[in-house]
Amino acid sequence: MRNGKFREYMDRLTEEIRNEGSRHDFIGRFVVAWTLLSRIPLPRRLWPSEMPAGNRILPLAPLAGGLLGLLVAIEVSVVGSLGLDQPGTIWTGVFFYSVMGWSLHLDGWGDLWDGVGSGRQEEELRSVMKDSRLGAYGAVGLILAFGLWTSLAGTVRPDRLPAALIVSAACGRFACCTAAYKGRYPWESGMGKGMVDTFNGYDLFVSFLAFFVFMPIAPVRWSFSAAAAIMIGFGMAGWMNSRLGGVNGDVLGAAAVAAEIASLAVFSA
């Protein structure tokens, strides 16, 4: 990022932080992001009076993801303290994680595998991805996602596992943001349109800061994870821009799963 843009974004962020209304807006945006990405309810009184724009919600996804990862780390630690062996604790962790919100991204991951496996493009590819039935390629993709997540998490040193679960979960959501920035929405309407079409450089900057919050946990591995999220998000968006015609919610979910697995690989190395 050029110094001029960095100063511009920092000035805008500073102005928002100082503005009391913006602080309330931040809480409302986080509540919406958390509700979208997880199944853990928050008090209704915290909801904003008006629904924020999609490009204002998505930048806080890495923060919500990291907190979800923290909950998974706590669950794994508690189960492990009860005497269950490591494979068992990891599988209970991925079960808890899936129920609490990872399934949202797994849905997109499976749909993308079905679509790409069909060999089709553009509208024909869209019709396959929108089919609610899970095909053979989607099933293989889900098996690989669960297998890689559990295998990689199981090889992380026990003292590093909490950091790995937190950073990787935040990393996956940061990849959503990089894909949204690089992509364009392919259709006139859709659930992801507001998140992709208007996602700009400032939104990417905010999402990076939301991911940067977790950097002190494991600075070196966080850096490699951030690089992986950028490459996966940009690469998947560029690929889908040409093949699907743009980036939709399924592509965002698939980018999140791929980046999270890559981050776990960084921690397991």
C-alpha atoms as a PDB file:
ATOM      1  CA  MET A   1       0.000   0.000   0.000  1.00  0.00           C
ATOM      2  CA  ARG A   2       1.397   3.404  -0.971  1.00  0.00           C
ATOM      3  CA  ASN A   3       2.074   5.880   1.827  1.00  0.00           C
ATOM      4  CA  GLY A   4      -0.591   8.270   0.545  1.00  0.00           C
ATOM      5  CA  LYS A   5      -3.311   5.644   0.698  1.00  0.00           C
ATOM      6  CA  PHE A   6      -2.096   4.428   4.089  1.00  0.00           C
ATOM      7  CA  ARG A   7      -2.330   7.941   5.538  1.00  0.00           C
ATOM      8  CA  GLU A   8      -5.742   8.427   3.983  1.00  0.00           C
ATOM      9  CA  TYR A   9      -7.048   5.204   5.489  1.00  0.00           C
ATOM     10  CA  MET A  10      -5.482   5.931   8.880  1.00  0.00           C
ATOM     11  CA  ASP A  11      -7.009   9.414   8.942  1.00  0.00           C
ATOM     12  CA  ARG A  12     -10.411   7.993   8.105  1.00  0.00           C
ATOM     13  CA  LEU A  13     -10.081   5.275  10.737  1.00  0.00           C
ATOM     14  CA  THR A  14      -8.954   7.795  13.366  1.00  0.00           C
ATOM     15  CA  GLU A  15     -11.930  10.001  12.568  1.00  0.00           C
ATOM     16  CA  GLU A  16     -14.284   7.045  12.934  1.00  0.00           C
ATOM     17  CA  ILE A  17     -12.748   6.021  16.265  1.00  0.00           C
ATOM     18  CA  ARG A  18     -13.140   9.531  17.662  1.00  0.00           C
ATOM     19  CA  ASN A  19     -16.742   9.783  16.522  1.00  0.00           C
ATOM     20  CA  GLU A  20     -19.103   8.407  19.168  1.00  0.00           C
ATOM     21  CA  GLY A  21     -21.672   7.481  16.566  1.00  0.00           C
ATOM     22  CA  SER A  22     -19.063   5.482  14.664  1.00  0.00           C
ATOM     23  CA  ARG A  23     -18.219   3.503  17.803  1.00  0.00           C
ATOM     24  CA  HIS A  24     -21.871   2.498  18.133  1.00  0.00           C
ATOM     25  CA  ASP A  25     -21.867   1.703  14.432  1.00  0.00           C
ATOM     26  CA  PHE A  26     -18.826  -0.564  14.944  1.00  0.00           C
ATOM     27  CA  ILE A  27     -20.652  -2.553  17.637  1.00  0.00           C
ATOM     28  CA  GLY A  28     -23.688  -2.946  15.404  1.00  0.00           C
ATOM     29  CA  ARG A  29     -21.571  -4.054  12.444  1.00  0.00           C
ATOM     30  CA  PHE A  30     -19.747  -6.595  14.598  1.00  0.00           C
ATOM     31  CA  VAL A  31     -23.020  -7.987  15.944  1.00  0.00           C
ATOM     32  CA  VAL A  32     -24.287  -8.507  12.401  1.00  0.00           C
ATOM     33  CA  ALA A  33     -20.979 -10.089  11.309  1.00  0.00           C
ATOM     34  CA  TRP A  34     -20.976 -12.386  14.338  1.00  0.00           C
ATOM     35  CA  THR A  35     -24.583 -13.422  13.753  1.00  0.00           C
ATOM     36  CA  LEU A  36     -23.875 -14.111  10.084  1.00  0.00           C
ATOM     37  CA  LEU A  37     -20.784 -16.217  10.775  1.00  0.00           C
ATOM     38  CA  SER A  38     -21.816 -18.058  13.931  1.00  0.00           C
ATOM     39  CA  ARG A  39     -24.786 -19.723  15.573  1.00  0.00           C
ATOM     40  CA  ILE A  40     -24.124 -18.150  18.965  1.00  0.00           C
ATOM     41  CA  PRO A  41     -26.812 -15.510  19.626  1.00  0.00           C
ATOM     42  CA  LEU A  42     -26.083 -12.040  20.950  1.00  0.00           C
ATOM     43  CA  PRO A  43     -28.573  -9.820  22.821  1.00  0.00           C
ATOM     44  CA  ARG A  44     -31.139  -8.276  20.513  1.00  0.00           C
ATOM     45  CA  ARG A  45     -30.574  -4.845  22.049  1.00  0.00           C
ATOM     46  CA  LEU A  46     -27.075  -4.786  20.500  1.00  0.00           C
ATOM     47  CA  TRP A  47     -28.461  -4.980  16.975  1.00  0.00           C
ATOM     48  CA  PRO A  48     -28.227  -1.786  14.905  1.00  0.00           C
ATOM     49  CA  SER A  49     -31.428   0.078  14.137  1.00  0.00           C
ATOM     50  CA  GLU A  50     -30.600  -0.117  10.427  1.00  0.00           C
ATOM     51  CA  MET A  51     -28.819  -2.961   8.667  1.00  0.00           C
ATOM     52  CA  PRO A  52     -25.272  -1.868   7.707  1.00  0.00           C
ATOM     53  CA  ALA A  53     -24.069  -2.229   4.129  1.00  0.00           C
ATOM     54  CA  GLY A  54     -22.402  -5.517   3.290  1.00  0.00           C
ATOM     55  CA  ASN A  55     -19.013  -3.942   2.703  1.00  0.00           C
ATOM     56  CA  ARG A  56     -19.175  -2.518   6.242  1.00  0.00           C
ATOM     57  CA  ILE A  57     -19.966  -5.901   7.775  1.00  0.00           C
ATOM     58  CA  LEU A  58     -17.439  -8.134   5.999  1.00  0.00           C
ATOM     59  CA  PRO A  59     -14.263  -6.321   7.203  1.00  0.00           C
ATOM     60  CA  LEU A  60     -15.030  -7.423  10.767  1.00  0.00           C
ATOM     61  CA  ALA A  61     -15.246 -11.092   9.754  1.00  0.00           C
ATOM     62  CA  PRO A  62     -11.610 -11.836  10.776  1.00  0.00           C
ATOM     63  CA  LEU A  63     -12.350 -10.570  14.292  1.00  0.00           C
ATOM     64  CA  ALA A  64     -15.453 -12.750  14.543  1.00  0.00           C
ATOM     65  CA  GLY A  65     -13.526 -15.694  13.106  1.00  0.00           C
ATOM     66  CA  GLY A  66     -10.708 -15.364  15.610  1.00  0.00           C
ATOM     67  CA  LEU A  67     -13.173 -15.323  18.490  1.00  0.00           C
ATOM     68  CA  LEU A  68     -14.840 -18.441  17.110  1.00  0.00           C
ATOM     69  CA  GLY A  69     -11.398 -20.046  16.978  1.00  0.00           C
ATOM     70  CA  LEU A  70     -10.876 -19.090  20.602  1.00  0.00           C
ATOM     71  CA  LEU A  71     -14.091 -20.868  21.562  1.00  0.00           C
ATOM     72  CA  VAL A  72     -12.931 -23.974  19.688  1.00  0.00           C
ATOM     73  CA  ALA A  73      -9.569 -23.799  21.480  1.00  0.00           C
ATOM     74  CA  ILE A  74     -11.350 -23.624  24.845  1.00  0.00           C
ATOM     75  CA  GLU A  75     -13.572 -26.571  23.923  1.00  0.00           C
ATOM     76  CA  VAL A  76     -10.586 -28.663  22.829  1.00  0.00           C
ATOM     77  CA  SER A  77      -8.705 -27.806  26.031  1.00  0.00           C
ATOM     78  CA  VAL A  78     -11.661 -28.711  28.242  1.00  0.00           C
ATOM     79  CA  VAL A  79     -12.285 -32.011  26.468  1.00  0.00           C
ATOM     80  CA  GLY A  80      -8.575 -32.832  26.561  1.00  0.00           C
ATOM     81  CA  SER A  81      -8.453 -32.179  30.307  1.00  0.00           C
ATOM     82  CA  LEU A  82     -11.149 -34.826  30.767  1.00  0.00           C
ATOM     83  CA  GLY A  83      -8.761 -37.496  29.515  1.00  0.00           C
ATOM     84  CA  LEU A  84      -9.774 -37.905  25.863  1.00  0.00           C
ATOM     85  CA  ASP A  85      -6.803 -38.584  23.580  1.00  0.00           C
ATOM     86  CA  GLN A  86      -5.653 -36.042  20.988  1.00  0.00           C
ATOM     87  CA  PRO A  87      -7.490 -37.440  17.917  1.00  0.00           C
ATOM     88  CA  GLY A  88     -10.682 -37.483  19.924  1.00  0.00           C
ATOM     89  CA  THR A  89     -10.281 -33.915  21.138  1.00  0.00           C
ATOM     90  CA  ILE A  90      -9.535 -32.686  17.613  1.00  0.00           C
ATOM     91  CA  TRP A  91     -12.639 -34.363  16.199  1.00  0.00           C
ATOM     92  CA  THR A  92     -14.831 -32.992  18.975  1.00  0.00           C
ATOM     93  CA  GLY A  93     -13.296 -29.619  18.155  1.00  0.00           C
ATOM     94  CA  VAL A  94     -14.160 -29.765  14.460  1.00  0.00           C
ATOM     95  CA  PHE A  95     -17.677 -30.963  15.346  1.00  0.00           C
ATOM     96  CA  PHE A  96     -18.133 -28.027  17.738  1.00  0.00           C
ATOM     97  CA  TYR A  97     -16.650 -25.644  15.167  1.00  0.00           C
ATOM     98  CA  SER A  98     -18.937 -26.888  12.387  1.00  0.00           C
ATOM     99  CA  VAL A  99     -22.037 -26.537  14.534  1.00  0.00           C
ATOM    100  CA  MET A 100     -21.009 -23.078  15.721  1.00  0.00           C
ATOM    101  CA  GLY A 101     -20.478 -21.627  12.248  1.00  0.00           C
ATOM    102  CA  TRP A 102     -17.847 -23.276  10.050  1.00  0.00           C
ATOM    103  CA  SER A 103     -20.608 -25.076   8.139  1.00  0.00           C
ATOM    104  CA  LEU A 104     -21.493 -21.767   6.475  1.00  0.00           C
ATOM    105  CA  HIS A 105     -18.124 -21.793   4.706  1.00  0.00           C
ATOM    106  CA  LEU A 106     -18.163 -25.550   4.166  1.00  0.00           C
ATOM    107  CA  ASP A 107     -21.394 -25.099   2.222  1.00  0.00           C
ATOM    108  CA  GLY A 108     -19.647 -22.762  -0.217  1.00  0.00           C
ATOM    109  CA  TRP A 109     -16.601 -25.047  -0.349  1.00  0.00           C
ATOM    110  CA  GLY A 110     -18.756 -28.043  -1.277  1.00  0.00           C
ATOM    111  CA  ASP A 111     -20.735 -26.072  -3.856  1.00  0.00           C
ATOM    112  CA  LEU A 112     -17.541 -24.845  -5.510  1.00  0.00           C
ATOM    113  CA  TRP A 113     -16.155 -28.378  -5.715  1.00  0.00           C
ATOM    114  CA  ASP A 114     -19.380 -29.554  -7.358  1.00  0.00           C
ATOM    115  CA  GLY A 115     -19.298 -26.648  -9.793  1.00  0.00           C
ATOM    116  CA  VAL A 116     -15.665 -26.961 -10.792  1.00  0.00           C
ATOM    117  CA  GLY A 117     -15.988 -30.738 -11.008  1.00  0.00           C
ATOM    118  CA  SER A 118     -18.797 -30.357 -13.537  1.00  0.00           C
ATOM    119  CA  GLY A 119     -16.408 -28.742 -16.002  1.00  0.00           C
ATOM    120  CA  ARG A 120     -18.932 -26.015 -16.828  1.00  0.00           C
ATOM    121  CA  GLN A 121     -18.558 -22.235 -16.931  1.00  0.00           C
ATOM    122  CA  GLU A 122     -20.553 -19.080 -16.255  1.00  0.00           C
ATOM    123  CA  GLU A 123     -24.348 -19.633 -16.128  1.00  0.00           C
ATOM    124  CA  GLU A 124     -24.061 -23.410 -16.408  1.00  0.00           C
ATOM    125  CA  LEU A 125     -21.508 -23.396 -13.593  1.00  0.00           C
ATOM    126  CA  ARG A 126     -23.821 -21.225 -11.530  1.00  0.00           C
ATOM    127  CA  SER A 127     -26.713 -23.653 -11.974  1.00  0.00           C
ATOM    128  CA  VAL A 128     -24.578 -26.508 -10.630  1.00  0.00           C
ATOM    129  CA  MET A 129     -23.346 -24.484  -7.649  1.00  0.00           C
ATOM    130  CA  LYS A 130     -26.890 -23.370  -6.801  1.00  0.00           C
ATOM    131  CA  ASP A 131     -28.209 -26.931  -6.790  1.00  0.00           C
ATOM    132  CA  SER A 132     -29.006 -27.770  -3.163  1.00  0.00           C
ATOM    133  CA  ARG A 133     -28.060 -31.410  -3.710  1.00  0.00           C
ATOM    134  CA  LEU A 134     -24.510 -32.467  -2.881  1.00  0.00           C
ATOM    135  CA  GLY A 135     -22.686 -34.156  -5.745  1.00  0.00           C
ATOM    136  CA  ALA A 136     -19.738 -36.523  -5.747  1.00  0.00           C
ATOM    137  CA  TYR A 137     -17.169 -33.743  -6.112  1.00  0.00           C
ATOM    138  CA  GLY A 138     -18.758 -31.778  -3.288  1.00  0.00           C
ATOM    139  CA  ALA A 139     -18.663 -34.847  -1.042  1.00  0.00           C
ATOM    140  CA  VAL A 140     -14.980 -35.391  -1.848  1.00  0.00           C
ATOM    141  CA  GLY A 141     -14.297 -31.739  -1.098  1.00  0.00           C
ATOM    142  CA  LEU A 142     -15.969 -31.954   2.311  1.00  0.00           C
ATOM    143  CA  ILE A 143     -14.089 -35.143   3.173  1.00  0.00           C
ATOM    144  CA  LEU A 144     -10.828 -33.431   2.279  1.00  0.00           C
ATOM    145  CA  ALA A 145     -11.734 -30.340   4.305  1.00  0.00           C
ATOM    146  CA  PHE A 146     -12.507 -32.345   7.449  1.00  0.00           C
ATOM    147  CA  GLY A 147      -9.570 -34.668   6.891  1.00  0.00           C
ATOM    148  CA  LEU A 148      -7.036 -31.906   6.353  1.00  0.00           C
ATOM    149  CA  TRP A 149      -8.356 -29.771   9.212  1.00  0.00           C
ATOM    150  CA  THR A 150      -8.242 -32.615  11.723  1.00  0.00           C
ATOM    151  CA  SER A 151      -4.950 -34.053  10.450  1.00  0.00           C
ATOM    152  CA  LEU A 152      -3.133 -30.721  10.462  1.00  0.00           C
ATOM    153  CA  ALA A 153      -4.585 -29.606  13.796  1.00  0.00           C
ATOM    154  CA  GLY A 154      -3.622 -32.986  15.235  1.00  0.00           C
ATOM    155  CA  THR A 155       0.018 -32.496  14.269  1.00  0.00           C
ATOM    156  CA  VAL A 156       0.319 -29.038  15.841  1.00  0.00           C
ATOM    157  CA  ARG A 157       2.295 -29.046  19.072  1.00  0.00           C
ATOM    158  CA  PRO A 158      -0.142 -28.964  22.030  1.00  0.00           C
ATOM    159  CA  ASP A 159       1.291 -25.692  23.326  1.00  0.00           C
ATOM    160  CA  ARG A 160       0.740 -24.087  19.900  1.00  0.00           C
ATOM    161  CA  LEU A 161      -2.717 -25.502  19.243  1.00  0.00           C
ATOM    162  CA  PRO A 162      -4.780 -22.678  20.812  1.00  0.00           C
ATOM    163  CA  ALA A 163      -2.880 -20.093  18.766  1.00  0.00           C
ATOM    164  CA  ALA A 164      -3.263 -22.225  15.639  1.00  0.00           C
ATOM    165  CA  LEU A 165      -7.033 -22.518  16.052  1.00  0.00           C
ATOM    166  CA  ILE A 166      -7.467 -18.794  16.686  1.00  0.00           C
ATOM    167  CA  VAL A 167      -5.178 -17.494  13.930  1.00  0.00           C
ATOM    168  CA  SER A 168      -6.352 -20.002  11.305  1.00  0.00           C
ATOM    169  CA  ALA A 169     -10.012 -19.162  11.928  1.00  0.00           C
ATOM    170  CA  ALA A 170      -9.284 -15.435  11.594  1.00  0.00           C
ATOM    171  CA  CYS A 171      -7.111 -16.142   8.546  1.00  0.00           C
ATOM    172  CA  GLY A 172      -9.958 -17.880   6.733  1.00  0.00           C
ATOM    173  CA  ARG A 173     -12.263 -14.907   7.204  1.00  0.00           C
ATOM    174  CA  PHE A 174      -9.523 -12.522   6.085  1.00  0.00           C
ATOM    175  CA  ALA A 175      -9.284 -14.543   2.865  1.00  0.00           C
ATOM    176  CA  CYS A 176     -13.010 -13.830   2.342  1.00  0.00           C
ATOM    177  CA  CYS A 177     -12.152 -10.144   2.428  1.00  0.00           C
ATOM    178  CA  THR A 178      -9.254 -10.407  -0.020  1.00  0.00           C
ATOM    179  CA  ALA A 179     -11.471 -12.377  -2.418  1.00  0.00           C
ATOM    180  CA  ALA A 180     -14.242  -9.776  -2.107  1.00  0.00           C
ATOM    181  CA  TYR A 181     -11.768  -6.983  -2.854  1.00  0.00           C
ATOM    182  CA  LYS A 182     -10.353  -8.692  -5.937  1.00  0.00           C
ATOM    183  CA  GLY A 183     -13.665 -10.061  -7.202  1.00  0.00           C
ATOM    184  CA  ARG A 184     -16.753  -8.676  -8.816  1.00  0.00           C
ATOM    185  CA  TYR A 185     -20.264  -9.931  -8.240  1.00  0.00           C
ATOM    186  CA  PRO A 186     -21.435 -11.851 -11.312  1.00  0.00           C
ATOM    187  CA  TRP A 187     -25.212 -11.284 -11.163  1.00  0.00           C
ATOM    188  CA  GLU A 188     -27.805  -8.580 -10.680  1.00  0.00           C
ATOM    189  CA  SER A 189     -28.823  -9.811  -7.247  1.00  0.00           C
ATOM    190  CA  GLY A 190     -27.728 -12.270  -4.614  1.00  0.00           C
ATOM    191  CA  MET A 191     -26.802 -12.620  -0.971  1.00  0.00           C
ATOM    192  CA  GLY A 192     -23.149 -11.675  -1.495  1.00  0.00           C
ATOM    193  CA  LYS A 193     -23.706  -8.748  -3.855  1.00  0.00           C
ATOM    194  CA  GLY A 194     -23.477  -6.010  -1.222  1.00  0.00           C
ATOM    195  CA  MET A 195     -20.322  -7.543   0.220  1.00  0.00           C
ATOM    196  CA  VAL A 196     -18.440  -7.901  -3.074  1.00  0.00           C
ATOM    197  CA  ASP A 197     -19.523  -5.078  -5.366  1.00  0.00           C
ATOM    198  CA  THR A 198     -18.754  -2.214  -2.991  1.00  0.00           C
ATOM    199  CA  PHE A 199     -15.813  -3.720  -1.087  1.00  0.00           C
ATOM    200  CA  ASN A 200     -12.995  -1.199  -1.512  1.00  0.00           C
ATOM    201  CA  GLY A 201      -9.430  -0.546  -0.397  1.00  0.00           C
ATOM    202  CA  TYR A 202     -10.451   0.982   2.918  1.00  0.00           C
ATOM    203  CA  ASP A 203     -12.606  -2.042   3.709  1.00  0.00           C
ATOM    204  CA  LEU A 204      -9.635  -4.319   2.988  1.00  0.00           C
ATOM    205  CA  PHE A 205      -7.491  -2.140   5.267  1.00  0.00           C
ATOM    206  CA  VAL A 206     -10.006  -2.488   8.111  1.00  0.00           C
ATOM    207  CA  SER A 207     -10.224  -6.247   7.579  1.00  0.00           C
ATOM    208  CA  PHE A 208      -6.426  -6.467   7.763  1.00  0.00           C
ATOM    209  CA  LEU A 209      -6.472  -4.625  11.091  1.00  0.00           C
ATOM    210  CA  ALA A 210      -9.216  -6.972  12.332  1.00  0.00           C
ATOM    211  CA  PHE A 211      -6.906  -9.869  11.463  1.00  0.00           C
ATOM    212  CA  PHE A 212      -3.815  -8.058  12.794  1.00  0.00           C
ATOM    213  CA  VAL A 213      -5.372  -8.085  16.282  1.00  0.00           C
ATOM    214  CA  PHE A 214      -4.302 -11.739  16.540  1.00  0.00           C
ATOM    215  CA  MET A 215      -0.726 -11.205  15.334  1.00  0.00           C
ATOM    216  CA  PRO A 216       0.856 -11.084  18.843  1.00  0.00           C
ATOM    217  CA  ILE A 217      -0.333 -14.644  19.494  1.00  0.00           C
ATOM    218  CA  ALA A 218       2.156 -16.078  16.980  1.00  0.00           C
ATOM    219  CA  PRO A 219       3.875 -13.304  14.982  1.00  0.00           C
ATOM    220  CA  VAL A 220       5.884 -15.402  12.513  1.00  0.00           C
ATOM    221  CA  ARG A 221       3.165 -17.923  11.755  1.00  0.00           C
ATOM    222  CA  TRP A 222       0.594 -15.126  11.609  1.00  0.00           C
ATOM    223  CA  SER A 223       2.696 -13.466   8.888  1.00  0.00           C
ATOM    224  CA  PHE A 224       2.829 -16.627   6.784  1.00  0.00           C
ATOM    225  CA  SER A 225      -0.892 -17.137   7.340  1.00  0.00           C
ATOM    226  CA  ALA A 226      -1.627 -13.583   6.198  1.00  0.00           C
ATOM    227  CA  ALA A 227       0.417 -14.150   3.038  1.00  0.00           C
ATOM    228  CA  ALA A 228      -1.482 -17.386   2.380  1.00  0.00           C
ATOM    229  CA  ALA A 229      -4.847 -15.638   2.854  1.00  0.00           C
ATOM    230  CA  ILE A 230      -3.915 -12.914   0.375  1.00  0.00           C
ATOM    231  CA  MET A 231      -2.660 -15.372  -2.245  1.00  0.00           C
ATOM    232  CA  ILE A 232      -5.650 -17.697  -1.860  1.00  0.00           C
ATOM    233  CA  GLY A 233      -8.217 -14.888  -1.839  1.00  0.00           C
ATOM    234  CA  PHE A 234      -6.721 -13.060  -4.809  1.00  0.00           C
ATOM    235  CA  GLY A 235      -6.030 -16.273  -6.706  1.00  0.00           C
ATOM    236  CA  MET A 236      -9.490 -17.744  -6.203  1.00  0.00           C
ATOM    237  CA  ALA A 237     -11.160 -14.431  -7.082  1.00  0.00           C
ATOM    238  CA  GLY A 238      -9.133 -14.086 -10.279  1.00  0.00           C
ATOM    239  CA  TRP A 239      -9.939 -17.666 -11.243  1.00  0.00           C
ATOM    240  CA  MET A 240     -13.663 -17.287 -10.567  1.00  0.00           C
ATOM    241  CA  ASN A 241     -13.830 -13.883 -12.248  1.00  0.00           C
ATOM    242  CA  SER A 242     -12.848 -15.613 -15.481  1.00  0.00           C
ATOM    243  CA  ARG A 243     -14.711 -18.896 -15.024  1.00  0.00           C
ATOM    244  CA  LEU A 244     -17.882 -17.993 -13.123  1.00  0.00           C
ATOM    245  CA  GLY A 245     -18.009 -14.356 -14.128  1.00  0.00           C
ATOM    246  CA  GLY A 246     -17.244 -13.125 -10.617  1.00  0.00           C
ATOM    247  CA  VAL A 247     -17.175 -13.913  -6.922  1.00  0.00           C
ATOM    248  CA  ASN A 248     -20.302 -14.976  -5.034  1.00  0.00           C
ATOM    249  CA  GLY A 249     -20.913 -16.207  -1.491  1.00  0.00           C
ATOM    250  CA  ASP A 250     -19.836 -19.750  -2.360  1.00  0.00           C
ATOM    251  CA  VAL A 251     -16.463 -18.490  -3.559  1.00  0.00           C
ATOM    252  CA  LEU A 252     -16.011 -16.456  -0.378  1.00  0.00           C
ATOM    253  CA  GLY A 253     -16.764 -19.542   1.713  1.00  0.00           C
ATOM    254  CA  ALA A 254     -14.394 -21.706  -0.289  1.00  0.00           C
ATOM    255  CA  ALA A 255     -11.620 -19.130   0.083  1.00  0.00           C
ATOM    256  CA  ALA A 256     -12.164 -19.164   3.849  1.00  0.00           C
ATOM    257  CA  VAL A 257     -11.856 -22.954   4.086  1.00  0.00           C
ATOM    258  CA  ALA A 258      -8.767 -23.082   1.849  1.00  0.00           C
ATOM    259  CA  ALA A 259      -6.978 -20.315   3.754  1.00  0.00           C
ATOM    260  CA  GLU A 260      -7.808 -21.820   7.126  1.00  0.00           C
ATOM    261  CA  ILE A 261      -6.342 -25.160   6.078  1.00  0.00           C
ATOM    262  CA  ALA A 262      -3.246 -23.382   4.751  1.00  0.00           C
ATOM    263  CA  SER A 263      -2.828 -21.568   8.072  1.00  0.00           C
ATOM    264  CA  LEU A 264      -3.090 -24.836  10.002  1.00  0.00           C
ATOM    265  CA  ALA A 265      -0.397 -26.227   7.708  1.00  0.00           C
ATOM    266  CA  VAL A 266       1.819 -23.291   8.673  1.00  0.00           C
ATOM    267  CA  PHE A 267       1.367 -24.102  12.365  1.00  0.00           C
ATOM    268  CA  SER A 268       1.906 -27.812  11.852  1.00  0.00           C
ATOM    269  CA  ALA A 269       5.211 -27.291  10.015  1.00  0.00           C
END
